[in-house]
C-alpha cells in the first residue's frame, strides 16, 4: 500500500525503521514463551494473585525495554540505514509502541484459550486488520508514509482492548491488576511522546535518560529476585 500510494523511496525508509522497531519482538517472544505456559496453569488453577504479580513483571520489563529501544533509536537507525533515514525518527517510538501491543494482547487471549472460548479471536483480528487497512488507505494519501506507523498502533490497540474486554467476560471477573497495567501503559505512552522531543535535544541528556532507565531495570530485577529468595528461605 505504501508503494502504491507513495513511492519506493518511502517504502525503503519505512522498511528500515520498521526493522529496527521489530527488534523488540525478540524480547517479547522470549517473555511470552516463558510466561504463557505458566499463565495457563495459573488461570486453570485460579492462582490469580500469582498471575497478577507475574503479569505486572512481564509488562514492566516489556515497557522498560521499549523505552530503552526508543532512546537508542537514533544510533540504531543510523547503523541500519545511515544518516538519510534519520528523517523517520519521529515515527520510531510509535512503531515500537505498536509492536508492543502486537504481543501485549496475548496476555488476555490466554484466558480465552484456557477456557476454550475462542470464537471471538478471528472476528477481533479481522476487524483490527480492516481498521488498519482502511486507515492506511485514507491517511497515507492525506498525510504520507508516516501515517502507516499510527495506523499500526491503532489497529493493535483495538485488538488488545477487545481481547481484554472479552477475557473479562469469559473469566466473569477481573483477574489482572489493571490499575498497575494501565499505569505502565500510561508510562509507555508518555515515553513514546517524550522520545519524539528527546531526539531534538543534546545527546548527553538522552544518555542520562538511558542511564536512568537502566538503573530502574537493575533495581527492579534485584528486588524481584530478592523477594523470591526471601520466599524460598521462608
C-alpha atoms as a PDB file:
ATOM      1  CA  UNK A   1       0.000   0.000   0.000  1.00  0.00           C
ATOM      2  CA  UNK A   2       2.889   2.350   0.757  1.00  0.00           C
ATOM      3  CA  UNK A   3       4.399   1.567  -2.630  1.00  0.00           C
ATOM      4  CA  UNK A   4       1.089   2.199  -4.391  1.00  0.00           C
ATOM      5  CA  UNK A   5       0.202   5.415  -2.517  1.00  0.00           C
ATOM      6  CA  UNK A   6       3.692   6.926  -2.151  1.00  0.00           C
ATOM      7  CA  UNK A   7       6.929   5.679  -3.762  1.00  0.00           C
ATOM      8  CA  UNK A   8       9.740   3.150  -3.435  1.00  0.00           C
ATOM      9  CA  UNK A   9      11.819   5.792  -1.672  1.00  0.00           C
ATOM     10  CA  UNK A  10       9.419   5.994   1.271  1.00  0.00           C
ATOM     11  CA  UNK A  11       8.941   2.225   1.273  1.00  0.00           C
ATOM     12  CA  UNK A  12      12.686   1.898   1.818  1.00  0.00           C
ATOM     13  CA  UNK A  13      12.707   4.403   4.672  1.00  0.00           C
ATOM     14  CA  UNK A  14       9.722   2.786   6.368  1.00  0.00           C
ATOM     15  CA  UNK A  15      11.216  -0.698   5.974  1.00  0.00           C
ATOM     16  CA  UNK A  16      14.392   0.311   7.816  1.00  0.00           C
ATOM     17  CA  UNK A  17      12.620   1.951  10.762  1.00  0.00           C
ATOM     18  CA  UNK A  18      10.131  -0.938  10.941  1.00  0.00           C
ATOM     19  CA  UNK A  19      13.008  -3.441  11.041  1.00  0.00           C
ATOM     20  CA  UNK A  20      14.584  -1.572  13.942  1.00  0.00           C
ATOM     21  CA  UNK A  21      11.274  -1.310  15.803  1.00  0.00           C
ATOM     22  CA  UNK A  22      10.670  -5.028  15.344  1.00  0.00           C
ATOM     23  CA  UNK A  23      13.790  -5.843  17.369  1.00  0.00           C
ATOM     24  CA  UNK A  24      11.512  -5.638  20.399  1.00  0.00           C
ATOM     25  CA  UNK A  25       9.725  -8.763  19.146  1.00  0.00           C
ATOM     26  CA  UNK A  26      12.808 -10.814  20.062  1.00  0.00           C
ATOM     27  CA  UNK A  27      12.368  -9.862  23.716  1.00  0.00           C
ATOM     28  CA  UNK A  28       8.571 -10.089  23.647  1.00  0.00           C
ATOM     29  CA  UNK A  29       8.663 -13.560  22.077  1.00  0.00           C
ATOM     30  CA  UNK A  30      11.124 -14.817  24.692  1.00  0.00           C
ATOM     31  CA  UNK A  31       8.986 -13.398  27.508  1.00  0.00           C
ATOM     32  CA  UNK A  32       5.780 -14.848  26.064  1.00  0.00           C
ATOM     33  CA  UNK A  33       7.362 -18.277  25.627  1.00  0.00           C
ATOM     34  CA  UNK A  34       8.160 -18.422  29.334  1.00  0.00           C
ATOM     35  CA  UNK A  35       5.030 -16.626  30.538  1.00  0.00           C
ATOM     36  CA  UNK A  36       2.287 -18.357  28.535  1.00  0.00           C
ATOM     37  CA  UNK A  37       2.674 -21.970  29.820  1.00  0.00           C
ATOM     38  CA  UNK A  38       2.899 -20.695  33.397  1.00  0.00           C
ATOM     39  CA  UNK A  39      -0.118 -18.390  32.891  1.00  0.00           C
ATOM     40  CA  UNK A  40      -2.174 -21.309  31.526  1.00  0.00           C
ATOM     41  CA  UNK A  41      -1.605 -23.245  34.749  1.00  0.00           C
ATOM     42  CA  UNK A  42      -2.213 -20.211  36.963  1.00  0.00           C
ATOM     43  CA  UNK A  43      -5.518 -19.398  35.221  1.00  0.00           C
ATOM     44  CA  UNK A  44      -6.646 -23.035  35.255  1.00  0.00           C
ATOM     45  CA  UNK A  45      -5.852 -23.351  38.973  1.00  0.00           C
ATOM     46  CA  UNK A  46      -7.253 -19.857  39.713  1.00  0.00           C
ATOM     47  CA  UNK A  47      -3.993 -18.638  41.275  1.00  0.00           C
ATOM     48  CA  UNK A  48      -4.914 -15.079  40.410  1.00  0.00           C
ATOM     49  CA  UNK A  49      -2.674 -13.334  42.953  1.00  0.00           C
ATOM     50  CA  UNK A  50       0.390 -15.005  41.454  1.00  0.00           C
ATOM     51  CA  UNK A  51      -0.927 -14.275  37.968  1.00  0.00           C
ATOM     52  CA  UNK A  52      -1.243 -10.573  38.740  1.00  0.00           C
ATOM     53  CA  UNK A  53       2.291 -10.285  40.101  1.00  0.00           C
ATOM     54  CA  UNK A  54       3.949 -12.159  37.244  1.00  0.00           C
ATOM     55  CA  UNK A  55       1.893 -10.351  34.603  1.00  0.00           C
ATOM     56  CA  UNK A  56       2.874  -6.992  36.103  1.00  0.00           C
ATOM     57  CA  UNK A  57       6.534  -8.051  35.983  1.00  0.00           C
ATOM     58  CA  UNK A  58       6.279  -9.144  32.337  1.00  0.00           C
ATOM     59  CA  UNK A  59       4.554  -5.908  31.292  1.00  0.00           C
ATOM     60  CA  UNK A  60       7.075  -3.805  33.245  1.00  0.00           C
ATOM     61  CA  UNK A  61      10.091  -5.484  31.600  1.00  0.00           C
ATOM     62  CA  UNK A  62       8.476  -5.115  28.165  1.00  0.00           C
ATOM     63  CA  UNK A  63       7.690  -1.430  28.705  1.00  0.00           C
ATOM     64  CA  UNK A  64      11.185  -0.725  30.000  1.00  0.00           C
ATOM     65  CA  UNK A  65      12.779  -2.462  27.018  1.00  0.00           C
ATOM     66  CA  UNK A  66      10.561  -0.409  24.695  1.00  0.00           C
ATOM     67  CA  UNK A  67      11.730   2.771  26.448  1.00  0.00           C
ATOM     68  CA  UNK A  68      15.387   1.808  26.029  1.00  0.00           C
ATOM     69  CA  UNK A  69      14.859   0.902  22.372  1.00  0.00           C
ATOM     70  CA  UNK A  70      13.190   4.267  21.769  1.00  0.00           C
ATOM     71  CA  UNK A  71      16.039   6.142  23.425  1.00  0.00           C
ATOM     72  CA  UNK A  72      18.652   4.269  21.365  1.00  0.00           C
ATOM     73  CA  UNK A  73      16.691   4.758  18.117  1.00  0.00           C
ATOM     74  CA  UNK A  74      18.984   7.443  16.582  1.00  0.00           C
ATOM     75  CA  UNK A  75      22.013   5.171  16.862  1.00  0.00           C
ATOM     76  CA  UNK A  76      20.060   2.105  15.718  1.00  0.00           C
ATOM     77  CA  UNK A  77      18.590   3.775  12.640  1.00  0.00           C
ATOM     78  CA  UNK A  78      21.974   5.278  11.730  1.00  0.00           C
ATOM     79  CA  UNK A  79      23.651   1.853  11.909  1.00  0.00           C
ATOM     80  CA  UNK A  80      20.906   0.104   9.923  1.00  0.00           C
ATOM     81  CA  UNK A  81      20.372   2.704   7.210  1.00  0.00           C
ATOM     82  CA  UNK A  82      22.576   5.737   7.559  1.00  0.00           C
ATOM     83  CA  UNK A  83      22.062   9.439   8.103  1.00  0.00           C
ATOM     84  CA  UNK A  84      19.403   9.750   5.400  1.00  0.00           C
ATOM     85  CA  UNK A  85      16.999   7.526   7.352  1.00  0.00           C
ATOM     86  CA  UNK A  86      17.117   9.673  10.491  1.00  0.00           C
ATOM     87  CA  UNK A  87      14.335  11.786   8.991  1.00  0.00           C
ATOM     88  CA  UNK A  88      11.954   8.985  10.030  1.00  0.00           C
ATOM     89  CA  UNK A  89      12.935   9.100  13.732  1.00  0.00           C
ATOM     90  CA  UNK A  90       9.625  10.681  14.890  1.00  0.00           C
ATOM     91  CA  UNK A  91       7.650   7.559  13.890  1.00  0.00           C
ATOM     92  CA  UNK A  92      10.040   5.067  15.511  1.00  0.00           C
ATOM     93  CA  UNK A  93       8.505   5.390  19.036  1.00  0.00           C
ATOM     94  CA  UNK A  94       5.041   4.950  17.509  1.00  0.00           C
ATOM     95  CA  UNK A  95       6.133   1.779  15.711  1.00  0.00           C
ATOM     96  CA  UNK A  96       7.801   0.390  18.829  1.00  0.00           C
ATOM     97  CA  UNK A  97       4.621   1.063  20.795  1.00  0.00           C
ATOM     98  CA  UNK A  98       2.578  -0.671  18.080  1.00  0.00           C
ATOM     99  CA  UNK A  99       4.925  -3.670  18.163  1.00  0.00           C
ATOM    100  CA  UNK A 100       4.476  -3.825  21.935  1.00  0.00           C
ATOM    101  CA  UNK A 101       0.691  -4.061  21.602  1.00  0.00           C
ATOM    102  CA  UNK A 102       1.031  -6.708  18.888  1.00  0.00           C
ATOM    103  CA  UNK A 103       2.338  -9.023  21.640  1.00  0.00           C
ATOM    104  CA  UNK A 104       0.616  -7.490  24.645  1.00  0.00           C
ATOM    105  CA  UNK A 105      -2.864  -8.801  23.805  1.00  0.00           C
ATOM    106  CA  UNK A 106      -1.676 -12.409  24.238  1.00  0.00           C
ATOM    107  CA  UNK A 107      -1.796 -11.804  27.992  1.00  0.00           C
ATOM    108  CA  UNK A 108      -5.575 -11.521  27.757  1.00  0.00           C
ATOM    109  CA  UNK A 109      -6.173 -14.065  24.998  1.00  0.00           C
ATOM    110  CA  UNK A 110      -4.679 -16.746  27.267  1.00  0.00           C
ATOM    111  CA  UNK A 111      -7.921 -16.577  29.257  1.00  0.00           C
ATOM    112  CA  UNK A 112      -9.928 -17.338  26.124  1.00  0.00           C
ATOM    113  CA  UNK A 113      -7.758 -20.304  25.117  1.00  0.00           C
ATOM    114  CA  UNK A 114      -7.655 -21.912  28.553  1.00  0.00           C
ATOM    115  CA  UNK A 115     -11.463 -21.685  28.789  1.00  0.00           C
ATOM    116  CA  UNK A 116     -11.887 -22.864  25.178  1.00  0.00           C
ATOM    117  CA  UNK A 117     -13.783 -19.659  24.329  1.00  0.00           C
ATOM    118  CA  UNK A 118     -12.015 -18.689  21.124  1.00  0.00           C
ATOM    119  CA  UNK A 119     -14.966 -17.839  18.900  1.00  0.00           C
ATOM    120  CA  UNK A 120     -14.157 -14.112  19.054  1.00  0.00           C
ATOM    121  CA  UNK A 121     -10.459 -14.475  18.182  1.00  0.00           C
ATOM    122  CA  UNK A 122     -10.935 -14.380  14.408  1.00  0.00           C
ATOM    123  CA  UNK A 123     -13.564 -11.574  14.345  1.00  0.00           C
ATOM    124  CA  UNK A 124     -11.384  -9.375  16.585  1.00  0.00           C
ATOM    125  CA  UNK A 125      -8.284  -9.994  14.463  1.00  0.00           C
ATOM    126  CA  UNK A 126     -10.176  -9.457  11.214  1.00  0.00           C
ATOM    127  CA  UNK A 127     -11.741  -6.204  12.439  1.00  0.00           C
ATOM    128  CA  UNK A 128      -8.344  -4.925  13.621  1.00  0.00           C
ATOM    129  CA  UNK A 129      -6.859  -5.733  10.210  1.00  0.00           C
ATOM    130  CA  UNK A 130      -9.697  -3.979   8.381  1.00  0.00           C
ATOM    131  CA  UNK A 131      -9.278  -0.897  10.586  1.00  0.00           C
ATOM    132  CA  UNK A 132      -5.575  -0.897   9.770  1.00  0.00           C
ATOM    133  CA  UNK A 133      -6.160  -1.250   6.025  1.00  0.00           C
ATOM    134  CA  UNK A 134      -8.921   1.366   5.943  1.00  0.00           C
ATOM    135  CA  UNK A 135      -6.933   3.922   7.910  1.00  0.00           C
ATOM    136  CA  UNK A 136      -3.873   3.268   5.757  1.00  0.00           C
ATOM    137  CA  UNK A 137      -5.832   3.901   2.585  1.00  0.00           C
ATOM    138  CA  UNK A 138      -7.273   7.122   3.963  1.00  0.00           C
ATOM    139  CA  UNK A 139      -4.340   8.597   5.916  1.00  0.00           C
ATOM    140  CA  UNK A 140      -1.311   7.656   3.805  1.00  0.00           C
ATOM    141  CA  UNK A 141      -2.780   9.567   0.886  1.00  0.00           C
ATOM    142  CA  UNK A 142      -3.562  12.549   3.107  1.00  0.00           C
ATOM    143  CA  UNK A 143      -0.516  12.649   5.412  1.00  0.00           C
ATOM    144  CA  UNK A 144       2.211  10.496   3.914  1.00  0.00           C
ATOM    145  CA  UNK A 145       4.116   7.322   4.774  1.00  0.00           C
ATOM    146  CA  UNK A 146       4.322   8.334   8.458  1.00  0.00           C
ATOM    147  CA  UNK A 147       0.617   7.538   8.827  1.00  0.00           C
ATOM    148  CA  UNK A 148       1.358   3.804   8.490  1.00  0.00           C
ATOM    149  CA  UNK A 149       3.028   3.833  11.918  1.00  0.00           C
ATOM    150  CA  UNK A 150      -0.022   5.384  13.590  1.00  0.00           C
ATOM    151  CA  UNK A 151      -2.483   3.052  11.859  1.00  0.00           C
ATOM    152  CA  UNK A 152      -0.443   0.045  13.020  1.00  0.00           C
ATOM    153  CA  UNK A 153      -0.638   1.286  16.607  1.00  0.00           C
ATOM    154  CA  UNK A 154      -4.387   1.975  16.385  1.00  0.00           C
ATOM    155  CA  UNK A 155      -5.092  -1.472  14.922  1.00  0.00           C
ATOM    156  CA  UNK A 156      -3.196  -3.322  17.648  1.00  0.00           C
ATOM    157  CA  UNK A 157      -4.653  -1.099  20.381  1.00  0.00           C
ATOM    158  CA  UNK A 158      -8.118  -2.075  19.193  1.00  0.00           C
ATOM    159  CA  UNK A 159      -7.219  -5.794  19.227  1.00  0.00           C
ATOM    160  CA  UNK A 160      -5.698  -5.555  22.726  1.00  0.00           C
ATOM    161  CA  UNK A 161      -8.732  -3.726  24.128  1.00  0.00           C
ATOM    162  CA  UNK A 162     -11.186  -6.210  22.587  1.00  0.00           C
ATOM    163  CA  UNK A 163      -9.272  -9.193  23.943  1.00  0.00           C
ATOM    164  CA  UNK A 164      -9.199  -7.626  27.410  1.00  0.00           C
ATOM    165  CA  UNK A 165     -12.953  -6.970  27.320  1.00  0.00           C
ATOM    166  CA  UNK A 166     -13.741 -10.475  26.073  1.00  0.00           C
ATOM    167  CA  UNK A 167     -11.338 -12.158  28.524  1.00  0.00           C
ATOM    168  CA  UNK A 168     -13.047 -10.361  31.394  1.00  0.00           C
ATOM    169  CA  UNK A 169     -16.409 -11.550  30.097  1.00  0.00           C
ATOM    170  CA  UNK A 170     -15.110 -15.136  29.883  1.00  0.00           C
ATOM    171  CA  UNK A 171     -13.481 -15.079  33.335  1.00  0.00           C
ATOM    172  CA  UNK A 172     -16.524 -13.342  34.903  1.00  0.00           C
ATOM    173  CA  UNK A 173     -14.103 -11.216  36.954  1.00  0.00           C
ATOM    174  CA  UNK A 174     -11.054  -9.020  36.570  1.00  0.00           C
ATOM    175  CA  UNK A 175      -8.198 -11.478  37.133  1.00  0.00           C
ATOM    176  CA  UNK A 176      -5.454  -8.979  36.227  1.00  0.00           C
ATOM    177  CA  UNK A 177      -4.117  -5.992  38.164  1.00  0.00           C
ATOM    178  CA  UNK A 178      -5.408  -3.495  35.621  1.00  0.00           C
ATOM    179  CA  UNK A 179      -4.540  -0.424  37.706  1.00  0.00           C
ATOM    180  CA  UNK A 180      -0.844  -1.303  37.604  1.00  0.00           C
ATOM    181  CA  UNK A 181      -1.005  -2.381  33.965  1.00  0.00           C
ATOM    182  CA  UNK A 182      -2.720   0.867  32.973  1.00  0.00           C
ATOM    183  CA  UNK A 183      -0.094   2.880  34.863  1.00  0.00           C
ATOM    184  CA  UNK A 184       2.641   1.023  32.984  1.00  0.00           C
ATOM    185  CA  UNK A 185       0.852   1.622  29.676  1.00  0.00           C
ATOM    186  CA  UNK A 186       0.497   5.294  30.593  1.00  0.00           C
ATOM    187  CA  UNK A 187       4.247   5.363  31.221  1.00  0.00           C
ATOM    188  CA  UNK A 188       4.807   3.805  27.801  1.00  0.00           C
ATOM    189  CA  UNK A 189       2.579   6.449  26.231  1.00  0.00           C
ATOM    190  CA  UNK A 190       4.456   9.281  27.967  1.00  0.00           C
ATOM    191  CA  UNK A 191       7.773   7.776  26.860  1.00  0.00           C
ATOM    192  CA  UNK A 192       6.512   7.411  23.292  1.00  0.00           C
ATOM    193  CA  UNK A 193       5.530  11.075  23.088  1.00  0.00           C
ATOM    194  CA  UNK A 194       8.529  12.253  25.100  1.00  0.00           C
ATOM    195  CA  UNK A 195      11.086  10.489  22.913  1.00  0.00           C
ATOM    196  CA  UNK A 196       9.856  12.355  19.841  1.00  0.00           C
ATOM    197  CA  UNK A 197      11.015  15.542  21.590  1.00  0.00           C
ATOM    198  CA  UNK A 198      14.055  13.959  23.234  1.00  0.00           C
ATOM    199  CA  UNK A 199      15.548  13.260  19.788  1.00  0.00           C
ATOM    200  CA  UNK A 200      15.847  17.014  19.329  1.00  0.00           C
ATOM    201  CA  UNK A 201      17.875  17.668  22.477  1.00  0.00           C
ATOM    202  CA  UNK A 202      21.607  17.278  23.026  1.00  0.00           C
ATOM    203  CA  UNK A 203      22.846  13.702  23.058  1.00  0.00           C
ATOM    204  CA  UNK A 204      24.134  13.747  26.668  1.00  0.00           C
ATOM    205  CA  UNK A 205      20.628  14.415  28.035  1.00  0.00           C
ATOM    206  CA  UNK A 206      19.332  11.401  26.115  1.00  0.00           C
ATOM    207  CA  UNK A 207      22.107   9.245  27.531  1.00  0.00           C
ATOM    208  CA  UNK A 208      21.166  10.415  31.023  1.00  0.00           C
ATOM    209  CA  UNK A 209      17.648   9.113  30.399  1.00  0.00           C
ATOM    210  CA  UNK A 210      19.077   5.831  29.115  1.00  0.00           C
ATOM    211  CA  UNK A 211      21.159   5.558  32.287  1.00  0.00           C
ATOM    212  CA  UNK A 212      18.098   6.165  34.481  1.00  0.00           C
ATOM    213  CA  UNK A 213      16.106   3.507  32.591  1.00  0.00           C
ATOM    214  CA  UNK A 214      18.975   1.055  33.032  1.00  0.00           C
ATOM    215  CA  UNK A 215      19.218   1.739  36.765  1.00  0.00           C
ATOM    216  CA  UNK A 216      15.448   1.286  37.117  1.00  0.00           C
ATOM    217  CA  UNK A 217      15.646  -2.062  35.338  1.00  0.00           C
ATOM    218  CA  UNK A 218      18.534  -3.311  37.511  1.00  0.00           C
ATOM    219  CA  UNK A 219      16.731  -2.175  40.678  1.00  0.00           C
ATOM    220  CA  UNK A 220      13.524  -3.967  39.636  1.00  0.00           C
ATOM    221  CA  UNK A 221      15.345  -7.193  38.788  1.00  0.00           C
ATOM    222  CA  UNK A 222      17.229  -7.075  42.114  1.00  0.00           C
ATOM    223  CA  UNK A 223      14.036  -6.504  44.130  1.00  0.00           C
ATOM    224  CA  UNK A 224      12.194  -9.202  42.191  1.00  0.00           C
ATOM    225  CA  UNK A 225      14.800 -11.907  42.782  1.00  0.00           C
ATOM    226  CA  UNK A 226      15.446 -10.778  46.366  1.00  0.00           C
ATOM    227  CA  UNK A 227      11.740 -11.282  47.086  1.00  0.00           C
ATOM    228  CA  UNK A 228      11.825 -14.742  45.500  1.00  0.00           C
ATOM    229  CA  UNK A 229      14.856 -15.721  47.606  1.00  0.00           C
ATOM    230  CA  UNK A 230      13.104 -14.476  50.768  1.00  0.00           C
ATOM    231  CA  UNK A 231      10.031 -16.584  49.997  1.00  0.00           C
ATOM    232  CA  UNK A 232      12.181 -19.616  49.241  1.00  0.00           C
ATOM    233  CA  UNK A 233      14.068 -19.175  52.514  1.00  0.00           C
ATOM    234  CA  UNK A 234      10.796 -18.789  54.426  1.00  0.00           C
END
